[in-house]
Amino acid sequence: MKVKLTPLNIVSAICLVVAVLLLVGKKEEGHAPQHVDVTGILVGFSFLAAIVAFVSDQIFRRFILNLKKLWVVEGVLVIFIIILIFIIKTSIS
């Protein structure tokens, strides 16, 4: 099997690195009350995002065989998701 580096592979790797850093990172004092710890939720969301990105990448690879078109489609998807996150974040704040 030929190894292809794609944008969703990069996103899944980043999500896994973030999850591992959250697991092994030191706890910082003073940001939230002691009874509120959202690190576990963030780790779960990071692992879930990595799994979704990996599965999506595999699905796109099945249907788009040309590597340039695959990069374009996955890159547009990643950019769309980033823009959507910023829109939701600004509308909530």
Protein backbone atom coordinates (compact mmCIF):
# COMPACT_ATOMS: atom_id res chain seq x y z
CA MET A 1 0.00 0.00 0.00
CA LYS A 2 1.35 3.39 -1.00
CA VAL A 3 1.58 5.89 1.85
CA LYS A 4 -0.10 9.21 1.03
CA LEU A 5 0.19 12.28 3.20
CA THR A 6 -3.08 14.21 3.16
CA PRO A 7 -4.53 17.17 5.08
CA LEU A 8 -6.83 14.94 7.13
CA ASN A 9 -3.84 12.77 8.10
CA ILE A 10 -2.11 15.90 9.35
CA VAL A 11 -5.24 16.96 11.28
CA SER A 12 -5.59 13.53 12.90
CA ALA A 13 -1.91 13.56 13.91
CA ILE A 14 -2.30 17.03 15.45
CA CYS A 15 -5.41 15.91 17.35
CA LEU A 16 -3.56 12.89 18.74
CA VAL A 17 -0.61 15.05 19.81
CA VAL A 18 -2.97 17.49 21.56
CA ALA A 19 -4.71 14.61 23.35
CA VAL A 20 -1.42 13.13 24.54
CA LEU A 21 -0.15 16.53 25.69
CA LEU A 22 -3.37 17.08 27.63
CA LEU A 23 -2.97 13.68 29.28
CA VAL A 24 0.64 14.09 30.33
CA GLY A 25 0.69 17.86 30.76
CA LYS A 26 0.99 19.39 34.18
CA LYS A 27 -2.07 20.88 35.84
CA GLU A 28 -2.06 24.66 36.07
CA GLU A 29 -3.45 26.26 39.17
CA GLY A 30 -5.72 29.27 39.23
CA HIS A 31 -7.56 29.03 35.90
CA ALA A 32 -10.72 27.31 37.09
CA PRO A 33 -12.18 26.26 40.41
CA GLN A 34 -10.78 23.02 41.79
CA HIS A 35 -14.03 21.12 41.26
CA VAL A 36 -14.16 21.94 37.51
CA ASP A 37 -11.77 19.81 35.45
CA VAL A 38 -12.46 19.73 31.73
CA THR A 39 -9.18 18.08 30.72
CA GLY A 40 -10.85 14.69 30.37
CA ILE A 41 -13.52 16.11 28.10
CA LEU A 42 -10.91 17.85 25.93
CA VAL A 43 -8.89 14.63 25.67
CA GLY A 44 -12.03 12.75 24.62
CA PHE A 45 -12.92 15.36 22.01
CA SER A 46 -9.36 15.30 20.67
CA PHE A 47 -9.39 11.51 20.30
CA LEU A 48 -12.85 11.66 18.70
CA ALA A 49 -11.69 14.33 16.24
CA ALA A 50 -8.66 12.19 15.34
CA ILE A 51 -10.85 9.15 14.69
CA VAL A 52 -13.33 11.17 12.59
CA ALA A 53 -10.49 12.72 10.56
CA PHE A 54 -8.89 9.30 9.98
CA VAL A 55 -12.15 7.65 8.90
CA SER A 56 -13.02 10.61 6.66
CA ASP A 57 -9.59 10.39 5.06
CA GLN A 58 -10.09 6.70 4.32
CA ILE A 59 -13.50 7.37 2.76
CA PHE A 60 -12.11 10.18 0.58
CA ARG A 61 -9.24 7.95 -0.53
CA ARG A 62 -11.69 5.30 -1.75
CA PHE A 63 -13.58 7.72 -3.97
CA ILE A 64 -10.84 10.16 -5.09
CA LEU A 65 -7.86 8.36 -6.58
CA ASN A 66 -5.94 11.38 -7.89
CA LEU A 67 -3.66 12.75 -5.16
CA LYS A 68 -3.93 16.40 -6.29
CA LYS A 69 -7.74 16.28 -6.25
CA LEU A 70 -7.65 14.54 -2.88
CA TRP A 71 -5.50 17.35 -1.45
CA VAL A 72 -7.85 19.98 -2.85
CA VAL A 73 -11.01 18.32 -1.51
CA GLU A 74 -9.58 17.58 1.92
CA GLY A 75 -7.94 21.01 2.15
CA VAL A 76 -11.23 22.73 1.35
CA LEU A 77 -12.95 20.58 3.98
CA VAL A 78 -10.38 21.53 6.63
CA ILE A 79 -10.59 25.24 5.74
CA PHE A 80 -14.41 25.08 5.82
CA ILE A 81 -14.35 23.48 9.27
CA ILE A 82 -11.90 26.10 10.59
CA ILE A 83 -14.07 28.93 9.25
CA LEU A 84 -17.17 27.30 10.73
CA ILE A 85 -15.48 27.02 14.14
CA PHE A 86 -14.56 30.72 14.07
CA ILE A 87 -18.10 31.71 13.08
CA ILE A 88 -19.63 29.65 15.89
CA LYS A 89 -17.06 30.93 18.38
CA THR A 90 -17.72 34.57 17.55
CA SER A 91 -21.49 34.15 17.57
CA ILE A 92 -21.43 32.54 21.02
CA SER A 93 -19.11 35.14 22.57
